[in-house]
Amino acid sequence: MKFKSPRAPLGALLFASTIAVSAAAPASASTEACGRASWYALTSKTASGERMDPAKFTAAHPRLRFGTRVEVVNPRNGKSVVVRINDRGPFIKGRIIDVSKAAARELGMIRSGVAKVCYKVVS
């Protein structure tokens, strides 16, 4: 004889609702953020499969969909640029986005290599 737990349906319901909340949270949490950014100028393939071009306005983000357009603002000097997400990263703790060299030049962060920025998804 099999033992049936009276809590199984409730547990399954709680598990399913946790998954639904977890799946929705990262998308809304990552549409706007502030933190440290860096830049990179490799010419290898990106996670999206295209070749990285340091002259284009692109960026790496850990979760946003490839092709998402993001406005990145450097609050220190007020400069901003719109970049397209085409890679995954950054892989250094405390950084929220990696931008291409061209984007970094527009933001005024080439010399420093890193800067505090804020970003928001624009499309």
PDB file of N, CA and C in Angstrom:
ATOM      1  N   MET A   1       0.843  -1.174   0.000  1.00  0.00           N
ATOM      2  CA  MET A   1       0.000   0.000   0.000  1.00  0.00           C
ATOM      3  C   MET A   1       0.892   1.241   0.000  1.00  0.00           C
ATOM      4  N   LYS A   2       0.569   2.193  -0.896  1.00  0.00           N
ATOM      5  CA  LYS A   2       1.341   3.421  -0.980  1.00  0.00           C
ATOM      6  C   LYS A   2       0.794   4.452  -0.007  1.00  0.00           C
ATOM      7  N   PHE A   3       1.701   5.184   0.586  1.00  0.00           N
ATOM      8  CA  PHE A   3       1.321   6.247   1.493  1.00  0.00           C
ATOM      9  C   PHE A   3       1.184   7.536   0.703  1.00  0.00           C
ATOM     10  N   LYS A   4       0.052   8.211   0.801  1.00  0.00           N
ATOM     11  CA  LYS A   4      -0.166   9.477   0.105  1.00  0.00           C
ATOM     12  C   LYS A   4      -0.122  10.605   1.118  1.00  0.00           C
ATOM     13  N   SER A   5       0.715  11.551   0.859  1.00  0.00           N
ATOM     14  CA  SER A   5       0.824  12.694   1.757  1.00  0.00           C
ATOM     15  C   SER A   5      -0.273  13.696   1.431  1.00  0.00           C
ATOM     16  N   PRO A   6      -0.997  14.166   2.429  1.00  0.00           N
ATOM     17  CA  PRO A   6      -2.045  15.157   2.164  1.00  0.00           C
ATOM     18  C   PRO A   6      -1.443  16.509   1.760  1.00  0.00           C
ATOM     19  N   ARG A   7      -0.137  16.696   1.960  1.00  0.00           N
ATOM     20  CA  ARG A   7       0.501  17.981   1.644  1.00  0.00           C
ATOM     21  C   ARG A   7       1.071  18.031   0.228  1.00  0.00           C
ATOM     22  N   ALA A   8       1.087  16.937  -0.470  1.00  0.00           N
ATOM     23  CA  ALA A   8       1.694  16.907  -1.801  1.00  0.00           C
ATOM     24  C   ALA A   8       1.087  17.937  -2.756  1.00  0.00           C
ATOM     25  N   PRO A   9      -0.244  18.045  -2.867  1.00  0.00           N
ATOM     26  CA  PRO A   9      -0.788  19.038  -3.794  1.00  0.00           C
ATOM     27  C   PRO A   9      -0.414  20.469  -3.391  1.00  0.00           C
ATOM     28  N   LEU A  10      -0.435  20.772  -2.114  1.00  0.00           N
ATOM     29  CA  LEU A  10      -0.058  22.100  -1.648  1.00  0.00           C
ATOM     30  C   LEU A  10       1.406  22.383  -1.953  1.00  0.00           C
ATOM     31  N   GLY A  11       2.269  21.388  -1.703  1.00  0.00           N
ATOM     32  CA  GLY A  11       3.690  21.541  -1.999  1.00  0.00           C
ATOM     33  C   GLY A  11       3.924  21.783  -3.483  1.00  0.00           C
ATOM     34  N   ALA A  12       3.213  21.047  -4.318  1.00  0.00           N
ATOM     35  CA  ALA A  12       3.348  21.223  -5.763  1.00  0.00           C
ATOM     36  C   ALA A  12       2.889  22.616  -6.172  1.00  0.00           C
ATOM     37  N   LEU A  13       1.806  23.068  -5.562  1.00  0.00           N
ATOM     38  CA  LEU A  13       1.296  24.403  -5.862  1.00  0.00           C
ATOM     39  C   LEU A  13       2.293  25.478  -5.453  1.00  0.00           C
ATOM     40  N   LEU A  14       2.867  25.353  -4.271  1.00  0.00           N
ATOM     41  CA  LEU A  14       3.866  26.316  -3.818  1.00  0.00           C
ATOM     42  C   LEU A  14       5.095  26.304  -4.712  1.00  0.00           C
ATOM     43  N   PHE A  15       5.529  25.113  -5.115  1.00  0.00           N
ATOM     44  CA  PHE A  15       6.685  24.987  -6.001  1.00  0.00           C
ATOM     45  C   PHE A  15       6.411  25.675  -7.335  1.00  0.00           C
ATOM     46  N   ALA A  16       5.225  25.446  -7.902  1.00  0.00           N
ATOM     47  CA  ALA A  16       4.870  26.044  -9.188  1.00  0.00           C
ATOM     48  C   ALA A  16       4.796  27.562  -9.086  1.00  0.00           C
ATOM     49  N   SER A  17       4.239  28.083  -7.998  1.00  0.00           N
ATOM     50  CA  SER A  17       4.149  29.534  -7.861  1.00  0.00           C
ATOM     51  C   SER A  17       5.524  30.158  -7.644  1.00  0.00           C
ATOM     52  N   THR A  18       6.432  29.434  -6.977  1.00  0.00           N
ATOM     53  CA  THR A  18       7.794  29.922  -6.791  1.00  0.00           C
ATOM     54  C   THR A  18       8.507  30.021  -8.126  1.00  0.00           C
ATOM     55  N   ILE A  19       8.312  29.032  -8.979  1.00  0.00           N
ATOM     56  CA  ILE A  19       8.936  29.061 -10.298  1.00  0.00           C
ATOM     57  C   ILE A  19       8.396  30.234 -11.105  1.00  0.00           C
ATOM     58  N   ALA A  20       7.087  30.469 -11.065  1.00  0.00           N
ATOM     59  CA  ALA A  20       6.495  31.565 -11.826  1.00  0.00           C
ATOM     60  C   ALA A  20       7.041  32.914 -11.362  1.00  0.00           C
ATOM     61  N   VAL A  21       7.150  33.111 -10.062  1.00  0.00           N
ATOM     62  CA  VAL A  21       7.687  34.365  -9.533  1.00  0.00           C
ATOM     63  C   VAL A  21       9.156  34.502  -9.886  1.00  0.00           C
ATOM     64  N   SER A  22       9.923  33.429  -9.763  1.00  0.00           N
ATOM     65  CA  SER A  22      11.349  33.478 -10.075  1.00  0.00           C
ATOM     66  C   SER A  22      11.590  33.781 -11.537  1.00  0.00           C
ATOM     67  N   ALA A  23      10.771  33.232 -12.417  1.00  0.00           N
ATOM     68  CA  ALA A  23      10.955  33.449 -13.850  1.00  0.00           C
ATOM     69  C   ALA A  23      10.643  34.891 -14.222  1.00  0.00           C
ATOM     70  N   ALA A  24       9.681  35.508 -13.546  1.00  0.00           N
ATOM     71  CA  ALA A  24       9.298  36.870 -13.882  1.00  0.00           C
ATOM     72  C   ALA A  24      10.233  37.902 -13.261  1.00  0.00           C
ATOM     73  N   ALA A  25      10.812  37.598 -12.132  1.00  0.00           N
ATOM     74  CA  ALA A  25      11.606  38.584 -11.400  1.00  0.00           C
ATOM     75  C   ALA A  25      12.832  39.087 -12.147  1.00  0.00           C
ATOM     76  N   PRO A  26      13.669  38.246 -12.753  1.00  0.00           N
ATOM     77  CA  PRO A  26      14.869  38.770 -13.385  1.00  0.00           C
ATOM     78  C   PRO A  26      14.592  39.742 -14.519  1.00  0.00           C
ATOM     79  N   ALA A  27      13.524  39.512 -15.300  1.00  0.00           N
ATOM     80  CA  ALA A  27      13.242  40.402 -16.426  1.00  0.00           C
ATOM     81  C   ALA A  27      12.929  41.807 -15.943  1.00  0.00           C
ATOM     82  N   SER A  28      12.078  41.937 -14.916  1.00  0.00           N
ATOM     83  CA  SER A  28      11.740  43.263 -14.436  1.00  0.00           C
ATOM     84  C   SER A  28      12.884  43.867 -13.628  1.00  0.00           C
ATOM     85  N   ALA A  29      13.662  43.032 -12.963  1.00  0.00           N
ATOM     86  CA  ALA A  29      14.760  43.530 -12.140  1.00  0.00           C
ATOM     87  C   ALA A  29      15.909  44.059 -12.986  1.00  0.00           C
ATOM     88  N   SER A  30      16.058  43.556 -14.216  1.00  0.00           N
ATOM     89  CA  SER A  30      17.207  43.951 -15.013  1.00  0.00           C
ATOM     90  C   SER A  30      16.886  45.003 -16.070  1.00  0.00           C
ATOM     91  N   THR A  31      15.676  45.593 -16.078  1.00  0.00           N
ATOM     92  CA  THR A  31      15.365  46.608 -17.080  1.00  0.00           C
ATOM     93  C   THR A  31      16.004  47.950 -16.743  1.00  0.00           C
ATOM     94  N   GLU A  32      16.320  48.179 -15.488  1.00  0.00           N
ATOM     95  CA  GLU A  32      17.041  49.372 -15.053  1.00  0.00           C
ATOM     96  C   GLU A  32      17.984  48.990 -13.923  1.00  0.00           C
ATOM     97  N   ALA A  33      19.182  49.534 -13.967  1.00  0.00           N
ATOM     98  CA  ALA A  33      20.138  49.252 -12.901  1.00  0.00           C
ATOM     99  C   ALA A  33      21.263  50.277 -12.928  1.00  0.00           C
ATOM    100  N   CYS A  34      21.924  50.421 -11.803  1.00  0.00           N
ATOM    101  CA  CYS A  34      23.114  51.261 -11.696  1.00  0.00           C
ATOM    102  C   CYS A  34      24.215  50.426 -11.051  1.00  0.00           C
ATOM    103  N   GLY A  35      25.419  50.651 -11.497  1.00  0.00           N
ATOM    104  CA  GLY A  35      26.556  49.920 -10.959  1.00  0.00           C
ATOM    105  C   GLY A  35      27.795  50.193 -11.788  1.00  0.00           C
ATOM    106  N   ARG A  36      28.797  49.358 -11.630  1.00  0.00           N
ATOM    107  CA  ARG A  36      30.064  49.558 -12.332  1.00  0.00           C
ATOM    108  C   ARG A  36      30.040  48.865 -13.689  1.00  0.00           C
ATOM    109  N   ALA A  37      30.636  49.532 -14.660  1.00  0.00           N
ATOM    110  CA  ALA A  37      30.761  48.986 -16.010  1.00  0.00           C
ATOM    111  C   ALA A  37      32.216  49.031 -16.416  1.00  0.00           C
ATOM    112  N   SER A  38      32.566  48.158 -17.348  1.00  0.00           N
ATOM    113  CA  SER A  38      33.902  48.178 -17.933  1.00  0.00           C
ATOM    114  C   SER A  38      33.734  48.092 -19.444  1.00  0.00           C
ATOM    115  N   TRP A  39      34.846  48.180 -20.153  1.00  0.00           N
ATOM    116  CA  TRP A  39      34.771  48.051 -21.607  1.00  0.00           C
ATOM    117  C   TRP A  39      35.752  47.002 -22.085  1.00  0.00           C
ATOM    118  N   TYR A  40      35.459  46.467 -23.271  1.00  0.00           N
ATOM    119  CA  TYR A  40      36.349  45.470 -23.849  1.00  0.00           C
ATOM    120  C   TYR A  40      36.390  45.640 -25.361  1.00  0.00           C
ATOM    121  N   ALA A  41      37.493  45.211 -25.960  1.00  0.00           N
ATOM    122  CA  ALA A  41      37.699  45.419 -27.391  1.00  0.00           C
ATOM    123  C   ALA A  41      38.252  44.173 -28.059  1.00  0.00           C
ATOM    124  N   LEU A  42      37.742  43.017 -27.678  1.00  0.00           N
ATOM    125  CA  LEU A  42      38.168  41.771 -28.304  1.00  0.00           C
ATOM    126  C   LEU A  42      37.597  41.683 -29.711  1.00  0.00           C
ATOM    127  N   THR A  43      38.136  40.811 -30.519  1.00  0.00           N
ATOM    128  CA  THR A  43      37.573  40.588 -31.853  1.00  0.00           C
ATOM    129  C   THR A  43      37.134  39.141 -32.025  1.00  0.00           C
ATOM    130  N   SER A  44      36.932  38.452 -30.922  1.00  0.00           N
ATOM    131  CA  SER A  44      36.487  37.058 -30.972  1.00  0.00           C
ATOM    132  C   SER A  44      34.969  37.007 -31.165  1.00  0.00           C
ATOM    133  N   LYS A  45      34.446  35.797 -31.307  1.00  0.00           N
ATOM    134  CA  LYS A  45      33.001  35.645 -31.439  1.00  0.00           C
ATOM    135  C   LYS A  45      32.326  35.912 -30.106  1.00  0.00           C
ATOM    136  N   THR A  46      31.159  36.530 -30.183  1.00  0.00           N
ATOM    137  CA  THR A  46      30.374  36.801 -28.985  1.00  0.00           C
ATOM    138  C   THR A  46      29.466  35.608 -28.701  1.00  0.00           C
ATOM    139  N   ALA A  47      28.795  35.639 -27.584  1.00  0.00           N
ATOM    140  CA  ALA A  47      27.877  34.561 -27.218  1.00  0.00           C
ATOM    141  C   ALA A  47      26.702  34.470 -28.189  1.00  0.00           C
ATOM    142  N   SER A  48      26.388  35.560 -28.881  1.00  0.00           N
ATOM    143  CA  SER A  48      25.293  35.532 -29.856  1.00  0.00           C
ATOM    144  C   SER A  48      25.736  34.929 -31.181  1.00  0.00           C
ATOM    145  N   GLY A  49      27.043  34.702 -31.346  1.00  0.00           N
ATOM    146  CA  GLY A  49      27.561  34.101 -32.565  1.00  0.00           C
ATOM    147  C   GLY A  49      28.190  35.081 -33.538  1.00  0.00           C
ATOM    148  N   GLU A  50      27.968  36.373 -33.331  1.00  0.00           N
ATOM    149  CA  GLU A  50      28.578  37.356 -34.227  1.00  0.00           C
ATOM    150  C   GLU A  50      29.974  37.727 -33.750  1.00  0.00           C
ATOM    151  N   ARG A  51      30.767  38.256 -34.623  1.00  0.00           N
ATOM    152  CA  ARG A  51      32.117  38.667 -34.274  1.00  0.00           C
ATOM    153  C   ARG A  51      32.044  40.017 -33.559  1.00  0.00           C
ATOM    154  N   MET A  52      32.775  40.147 -32.457  1.00  0.00           N
ATOM    155  CA  MET A  52      32.826  41.396 -31.700  1.00  0.00           C
ATOM    156  C   MET A  52      33.530  42.456 -32.538  1.00  0.00           C
ATOM    157  N   ASP A  53      32.901  43.616 -32.654  1.00  0.00           N
ATOM    158  CA  ASP A  53      33.485  44.740 -33.382  1.00  0.00           C
ATOM    159  C   ASP A  53      33.608  45.897 -32.399  1.00  0.00           C
ATOM    160  N   PRO A  54      34.836  46.245 -31.982  1.00  0.00           N
ATOM    161  CA  PRO A  54      35.023  47.320 -30.999  1.00  0.00           C
ATOM    162  C   PRO A  54      34.523  48.683 -31.476  1.00  0.00           C
ATOM    163  N   ALA A  55      34.300  48.831 -32.779  1.00  0.00           N
ATOM    164  CA  ALA A  55      33.837  50.108 -33.326  1.00  0.00           C
ATOM    165  C   ALA A  55      32.318  50.263 -33.284  1.00  0.00           C
ATOM    166  N   LYS A  56      31.599  49.201 -32.950  1.00  0.00           N
ATOM    167  CA  LYS A  56      30.136  49.265 -32.878  1.00  0.00           C
ATOM    168  C   LYS A  56      29.687  49.485 -31.444  1.00  0.00           C
ATOM    169  N   PHE A  57      28.463  49.972 -31.316  1.00  0.00           N
ATOM    170  CA  PHE A  57      27.892  50.232 -29.998  1.00  0.00           C
ATOM    171  C   PHE A  57      27.159  48.981 -29.516  1.00  0.00           C
ATOM    172  N   THR A  58      27.928  48.093 -28.888  1.00  0.00           N
ATOM    173  CA  THR A  58      27.387  46.835 -28.385  1.00  0.00           C
ATOM    174  C   THR A  58      27.787  46.667 -26.928  1.00  0.00           C
ATOM    175  N   ALA A  59      27.205  45.644 -26.296  1.00  0.00           N
ATOM    176  CA  ALA A  59      27.501  45.414 -24.876  1.00  0.00           C
ATOM    177  C   ALA A  59      27.236  43.968 -24.503  1.00  0.00           C
ATOM    178  N   ALA A  60      27.797  43.583 -23.367  1.00  0.00           N
ATOM    179  CA  ALA A  60      27.577  42.259 -22.787  1.00  0.00           C
ATOM    180  C   ALA A  60      26.776  42.426 -21.505  1.00  0.00           C
ATOM    181  N   HIS A  61      25.759  41.586 -21.350  1.00  0.00           N
ATOM    182  CA  HIS A  61      24.912  41.605 -20.152  1.00  0.00           C
ATOM    183  C   HIS A  61      24.621  40.157 -19.771  1.00  0.00           C
ATOM    184  N   PRO A  62      24.539  39.851 -18.477  1.00  0.00           N
ATOM    185  CA  PRO A  62      24.346  38.455 -18.078  1.00  0.00           C
ATOM    186  C   PRO A  62      22.984  37.857 -18.420  1.00  0.00           C
ATOM    187  N   ARG A  63      21.916  38.655 -18.496  1.00  0.00           N
ATOM    188  CA  ARG A  63      20.585  38.076 -18.674  1.00  0.00           C
ATOM    189  C   ARG A  63      19.735  38.657 -19.799  1.00  0.00           C
ATOM    190  N   LEU A  64      19.946  39.886 -20.205  1.00  0.00           N
ATOM    191  CA  LEU A  64      19.085  40.486 -21.219  1.00  0.00           C
ATOM    192  C   LEU A  64      19.203  39.743 -22.545  1.00  0.00           C
ATOM    193  N   ARG A  65      18.108  39.704 -23.296  1.00  0.00           N
ATOM    194  CA  ARG A  65      18.092  39.000 -24.582  1.00  0.00           C
ATOM    195  C   ARG A  65      19.024  39.677 -25.579  1.00  0.00           C
ATOM    196  N   PHE A  66      19.613  38.870 -26.444  1.00  0.00           N
ATOM    197  CA  PHE A  66      20.423  39.411 -27.520  1.00  0.00           C
ATOM    198  C   PHE A  66      19.539  40.288 -28.399  1.00  0.00           C
ATOM    199  N   GLY A  67      20.079  41.421 -28.810  1.00  0.00           N
ATOM    200  CA  GLY A  67      19.325  42.363 -29.633  1.00  0.00           C
ATOM    201  C   GLY A  67      18.637  43.457 -28.840  1.00  0.00           C
ATOM    202  N   THR A  68      18.553  43.299 -27.522  1.00  0.00           N
ATOM    203  CA  THR A  68      17.929  44.321 -26.682  1.00  0.00           C
ATOM    204  C   THR A  68      18.751  45.603 -26.744  1.00  0.00           C
ATOM    205  N   ARG A  69      18.076  46.725 -26.916  1.00  0.00           N
ATOM    206  CA  ARG A  69      18.758  48.016 -26.945  1.00  0.00           C
ATOM    207  C   ARG A  69      18.661  48.645 -25.556  1.00  0.00           C
ATOM    208  N   VAL A  70      19.805  49.113 -25.082  1.00  0.00           N
ATOM    209  CA  VAL A  70      19.920  49.634 -23.721  1.00  0.00           C
ATOM    210  C   VAL A  70      20.591  50.995 -23.764  1.00  0.00           C
ATOM    211  N   GLU A  71      20.006  51.962 -23.069  1.00  0.00           N
ATOM    212  CA  GLU A  71      20.650  53.273 -22.935  1.00  0.00           C
ATOM    213  C   GLU A  71      21.525  53.228 -21.690  1.00  0.00           C
ATOM    214  N   VAL A  72      22.803  53.523 -21.866  1.00  0.00           N
ATOM    215  CA  VAL A  72      23.758  53.530 -20.765  1.00  0.00           C
ATOM    216  C   VAL A  72      24.164  54.979 -20.519  1.00  0.00           C
ATOM    217  N   VAL A  73      24.091  55.423 -19.274  1.00  0.00           N
ATOM    218  CA  VAL A  73      24.404  56.803 -18.909  1.00  0.00           C
ATOM    219  C   VAL A  73      25.528  56.816 -17.886  1.00  0.00           C
ATOM    220  N   ASN A  74      26.487  57.708 -18.104  1.00  0.00           N
ATOM    221  CA  ASN A  74      27.547  57.948 -17.133  1.00  0.00           C
ATOM    222  C   ASN A  74      27.111  59.160 -16.309  1.00  0.00           C
ATOM    223  N   PRO A  75      26.611  58.967 -15.087  1.00  0.00           N
ATOM    224  CA  PRO A  75      26.091  60.089 -14.301  1.00  0.00           C
ATOM    225  C   PRO A  75      27.154  61.115 -13.909  1.00  0.00           C
ATOM    226  N   ARG A  76      28.391  60.717 -13.934  1.00  0.00           N
ATOM    227  CA  ARG A  76      29.468  61.636 -13.564  1.00  0.00           C
ATOM    228  C   ARG A  76      29.628  62.781 -14.572  1.00  0.00           C
ATOM    229  N   ASN A  77      29.438  62.463 -15.874  1.00  0.00           N
ATOM    230  CA  ASN A  77      29.598  63.510 -16.893  1.00  0.00           C
ATOM    231  C   ASN A  77      28.333  63.734 -17.722  1.00  0.00           C
ATOM    232  N   GLY A  78      27.280  62.945 -17.483  1.00  0.00           N
ATOM    233  CA  GLY A  78      26.013  63.123 -18.188  1.00  0.00           C
ATOM    234  C   GLY A  78      25.983  62.535 -19.592  1.00  0.00           C
ATOM    235  N   LYS A  79      27.058  61.904 -20.030  1.00  0.00           N
ATOM    236  CA  LYS A  79      27.097  61.332 -21.377  1.00  0.00           C
ATOM    237  C   LYS A  79      26.334  60.016 -21.417  1.00  0.00           C
ATOM    238  N   SER A  80      25.708  59.768 -22.583  1.00  0.00           N
ATOM    239  CA  SER A  80      24.950  58.529 -22.727  1.00  0.00           C
ATOM    240  C   SER A  80      25.122  57.957 -24.124  1.00  0.00           C
ATOM    241  N   VAL A  81      24.809  56.676 -24.250  1.00  0.00           N
ATOM    242  CA  VAL A  81      24.900  55.974 -25.521  1.00  0.00           C
ATOM    243  C   VAL A  81      23.893  54.829 -25.503  1.00  0.00           C
ATOM    244  N   VAL A  82      23.350  54.496 -26.671  1.00  0.00           N
ATOM    245  CA  VAL A  82      22.467  53.335 -26.791  1.00  0.00           C
ATOM    246  C   VAL A  82      23.283  52.199 -27.395  1.00  0.00           C
ATOM    247  N   VAL A  83      23.289  51.066 -26.716  1.00  0.00           N
ATOM    248  CA  VAL A  83      24.044  49.894 -27.160  1.00  0.00           C
ATOM    249  C   VAL A  83      23.085  48.732 -27.401  1.00  0.00           C
ATOM    250  N   ARG A  84      23.538  47.775 -28.180  1.00  0.00           N
ATOM    251  CA  ARG A  84      22.771  46.556 -28.457  1.00  0.00           C
ATOM    252  C   ARG A  84      23.457  45.400 -27.738  1.00  0.00           C
ATOM    253  N   ILE A  85      22.689  44.614 -26.983  1.00  0.00           N
ATOM    254  CA  ILE A  85      23.249  43.469 -26.268  1.00  0.00           C
ATOM    255  C   ILE A  85      23.528  42.349 -27.269  1.00  0.00           C
ATOM    256  N   ASN A  86      24.795  41.916 -27.331  1.00  0.00           N
ATOM    257  CA  ASN A  86      25.153  40.823 -28.242  1.00  0.00           C
ATOM    258  C   ASN A  86      26.096  39.810 -27.602  1.00  0.00           C
ATOM    259  N   ASP A  87      26.327  39.954 -26.296  1.00  0.00           N
ATOM    260  CA  ASP A  87      27.271  39.055 -25.634  1.00  0.00           C
ATOM    261  C   ASP A  87      26.848  38.843 -24.189  1.00  0.00           C
ATOM    262  N   ARG A  88      27.454  37.863 -23.535  1.00  0.00           N
ATOM    263  CA  ARG A  88      27.218  37.591 -22.119  1.00  0.00           C
ATOM    264  C   ARG A  88      28.402  38.078 -21.303  1.00  0.00           C
ATOM    265  N   GLY A  89      28.134  38.530 -20.132  1.00  0.00           N
ATOM    266  CA  GLY A  89      29.141  39.059 -19.239  1.00  0.00           C
ATOM    267  C   GLY A  89      28.497  40.180 -18.456  1.00  0.00           C
ATOM    268  N   PRO A  90      29.195  40.917 -17.686  1.00  0.00           N
ATOM    269  CA  PRO A  90      30.586  40.745 -17.293  1.00  0.00           C
ATOM    270  C   PRO A  90      30.740  39.581 -16.323  1.00  0.00           C
ATOM    271  N   PHE A  91      31.939  39.097 -16.235  1.00  0.00           N
ATOM    272  CA  PHE A  91      32.232  37.957 -15.375  1.00  0.00           C
ATOM    273  C   PHE A  91      33.059  38.349 -14.156  1.00  0.00           C
ATOM    274  N   ILE A  92      33.118  39.633 -13.866  1.00  0.00           N
ATOM    275  CA  ILE A  92      33.832  40.133 -12.693  1.00  0.00           C
ATOM    276  C   ILE A  92      32.801  40.645 -11.692  1.00  0.00           C
ATOM    277  N   LYS A  93      32.887  40.164 -10.470  1.00  0.00           N
ATOM    278  CA  LYS A  93      31.930  40.506  -9.421  1.00  0.00           C
ATOM    279  C   LYS A  93      31.819  42.022  -9.266  1.00  0.00           C
ATOM    280  N   GLY A  94      30.597  42.485  -9.152  1.00  0.00           N
ATOM    281  CA  GLY A  94      30.350  43.902  -8.929  1.00  0.00           C
ATOM    282  C   GLY A  94      30.117  44.710 -10.193  1.00  0.00           C
ATOM    283  N   ARG A  95      30.295  44.106 -11.352  1.00  0.00           N
ATOM    284  CA  ARG A  95      30.055  44.825 -12.611  1.00  0.00           C
ATOM    285  C   ARG A  95      28.717  44.391 -13.194  1.00  0.00           C
ATOM    286  N   ILE A  96      28.004  45.348 -13.787  1.00  0.00           N
ATOM    287  CA  ILE A  96      26.665  45.053 -14.290  1.00  0.00           C
ATOM    288  C   ILE A  96      26.581  44.981 -15.803  1.00  0.00           C
ATOM    289  N   ILE A  97      27.547  45.576 -16.511  1.00  0.00           N
ATOM    290  CA  ILE A  97      27.531  45.576 -17.965  1.00  0.00           C
ATOM    291  C   ILE A  97      28.940  45.835 -18.480  1.00  0.00           C
ATOM    292  N   ASP A  98      29.267  45.230 -19.618  1.00  0.00           N
ATOM    293  CA  ASP A  98      30.515  45.505 -20.330  1.00  0.00           C
ATOM    294  C   ASP A  98      30.137  46.143 -21.651  1.00  0.00           C
ATOM    295  N   VAL A  99      30.734  47.264 -21.987  1.00  0.00           N
ATOM    296  CA  VAL A  99      30.428  47.944 -23.245  1.00  0.00           C
ATOM    297  C   VAL A  99      31.608  47.852 -24.196  1.00  0.00           C
ATOM    298  N   SER A 100      31.343  48.046 -25.472  1.00  0.00           N
ATOM    299  CA  SER A 100      32.404  48.036 -26.477  1.00  0.00           C
ATOM    300  C   SER A 100      33.281  49.277 -26.317  1.00  0.00           C
ATOM    301  N   LYS A 101      34.423  49.263 -26.983  1.00  0.00           N
ATOM    302  CA  LYS A 101      35.343  50.390 -26.892  1.00  0.00           C
ATOM    303  C   LYS A 101      34.702  51.669 -27.432  1.00  0.00           C
ATOM    304  N   ALA A 102      33.941  51.566 -28.521  1.00  0.00           N
ATOM    305  CA  ALA A 102      33.273  52.740 -29.089  1.00  0.00           C
ATOM    306  C   ALA A 102      32.271  53.335 -28.100  1.00  0.00           C
ATOM    307  N   ALA A 103      31.512  52.474 -27.434  1.00  0.00           N
ATOM    308  CA  ALA A 103      30.546  52.943 -26.441  1.00  0.00           C
ATOM    309  C   ALA A 103      31.265  53.574 -25.253  1.00  0.00           C
ATOM    310  N   ALA A 104      32.369  52.964 -24.838  1.00  0.00           N
ATOM    311  CA  ALA A 104      33.152  53.499 -23.722  1.00  0.00           C
ATOM    312  C   ALA A 104      33.701  54.881 -24.061  1.00  0.00           C
ATOM    313  N   ARG A 105      34.123  55.067 -25.310  1.00  0.00           N
ATOM    314  CA  ARG A 105      34.630  56.373 -25.743  1.00  0.00           C
ATOM    315  C   ARG A 105      33.532  57.433 -25.620  1.00  0.00           C
ATOM    316  N   GLU A 106      32.310  57.093 -26.065  1.00  0.00           N
ATOM    317  CA  GLU A 106      31.176  58.024 -25.967  1.00  0.00           C
ATOM    318  C   GLU A 106      30.834  58.345 -24.512  1.00  0.00           C
ATOM    319  N   LEU A 107      31.007  57.364 -23.642  1.00  0.00           N
ATOM    320  CA  LEU A 107      30.691  57.549 -22.219  1.00  0.00           C
ATOM    321  C   LEU A 107      31.812  58.242 -21.445  1.00  0.00           C
ATOM    322  N   GLY A 108      32.978  58.389 -22.080  1.00  0.00           N
ATOM    323  CA  GLY A 108      34.107  59.042 -21.415  1.00  0.00           C
ATOM    324  C   GLY A 108      34.780  58.159 -20.382  1.00  0.00           C
ATOM    325  N   MET A 109      34.877  56.866 -20.659  1.00  0.00           N
ATOM    326  CA  MET A 109      35.469  55.955 -19.679  1.00  0.00           C
ATOM    327  C   MET A 109      36.619  55.130 -20.240  1.00  0.00           C
ATOM    328  N   ILE A 110      37.177  55.533 -21.367  1.00  0.00           N
ATOM    329  CA  ILE A 110      38.296  54.790 -21.955  1.00  0.00           C
ATOM    330  C   ILE A 110      39.490  54.793 -21.017  1.00  0.00           C
ATOM    331  N   ARG A 111      39.870  55.935 -20.549  1.00  0.00           N
ATOM    332  CA  ARG A 111      41.076  56.063 -19.735  1.00  0.00           C
ATOM    333  C   ARG A 111      40.960  55.318 -18.404  1.00  0.00           C
ATOM    334  N   SER A 112      39.828  55.467 -17.763  1.00  0.00           N
ATOM    335  CA  SER A 112      39.650  54.829 -16.448  1.00  0.00           C
ATOM    336  C   SER A 112      39.416  53.319 -16.563  1.00  0.00           C
ATOM    337  N   GLY A 113      38.832  52.881 -17.661  1.00  0.00           N
ATOM    338  CA  GLY A 113      38.557  51.455 -17.847  1.00  0.00           C
ATOM    339  C   GLY A 113      37.269  50.982 -17.214  1.00  0.00           C
ATOM    340  N   VAL A 114      36.893  51.597 -16.126  1.00  0.00           N
ATOM    341  CA  VAL A 114      35.626  51.287 -15.456  1.00  0.00           C
ATOM    342  C   VAL A 114      34.972  52.598 -15.038  1.00  0.00           C
ATOM    343  N   ALA A 115      33.664  52.567 -14.898  1.00  0.00           N
ATOM    344  CA  ALA A 115      32.935  53.756 -14.455  1.00  0.00           C
ATOM    345  C   ALA A 115      31.605  53.324 -13.865  1.00  0.00           C
ATOM    346  N   LYS A 116      31.058  54.164 -13.005  1.00  0.00           N
ATOM    347  CA  LYS A 116      29.710  53.924 -12.518  1.00  0.00           C
ATOM    348  C   LYS A 116      28.771  54.380 -13.616  1.00  0.00           C
ATOM    349  N   VAL A 117      27.815  53.521 -13.956  1.00  0.00           N
ATOM    350  CA  VAL A 117      26.829  53.851 -14.983  1.00  0.00           C
ATOM    351  C   VAL A 117      25.449  53.425 -14.508  1.00  0.00           C
ATOM    352  N   CYS A 118      24.449  53.942 -15.192  1.00  0.00           N
ATOM    353  CA  CYS A 118      23.079  53.476 -15.031  1.00  0.00           C
ATOM    354  C   CYS A 118      22.586  53.091 -16.414  1.00  0.00           C
ATOM    355  N   TYR A 119      21.778  52.063 -16.488  1.00  0.00           N
ATOM    356  CA  TYR A 119      21.217  51.699 -17.786  1.00  0.00           C
ATOM    357  C   TYR A 119      19.749  51.428 -17.661  1.00  0.00           C
ATOM    358  N   LYS A 120      19.056  51.553 -18.807  1.00  0.00           N
ATOM    359  CA  LYS A 120      17.652  51.170 -18.889  1.00  0.00           C
ATOM    360  C   LYS A 120      17.387  50.618 -20.273  1.00  0.00           C
ATOM    361  N   VAL A 121      16.510  49.652 -20.338  1.00  0.00           N
ATOM    362  CA  VAL A 121      16.138  49.045 -21.601  1.00  0.00           C
ATOM    363  C   VAL A 121      15.263  50.029 -22.357  1.00  0.00           C
ATOM    364  N   VAL A 122      15.600  50.265 -23.633  1.00  0.00           N
ATOM    365  CA  VAL A 122      14.795  51.183 -24.453  1.00  0.00           C
ATOM    366  C   VAL A 122      13.986  50.442 -25.511  1.00  0.00           C
ATOM    367  N   SER A 123      14.351  49.215 -25.852  1.00  0.00           N
ATOM    368  CA  SER A 123      13.535  48.401 -26.772  1.00  0.00           C
ATOM    369  C   SER A 123      13.941  46.948 -26.681  1.00  0.00           C
TER     370      SER A 123
END
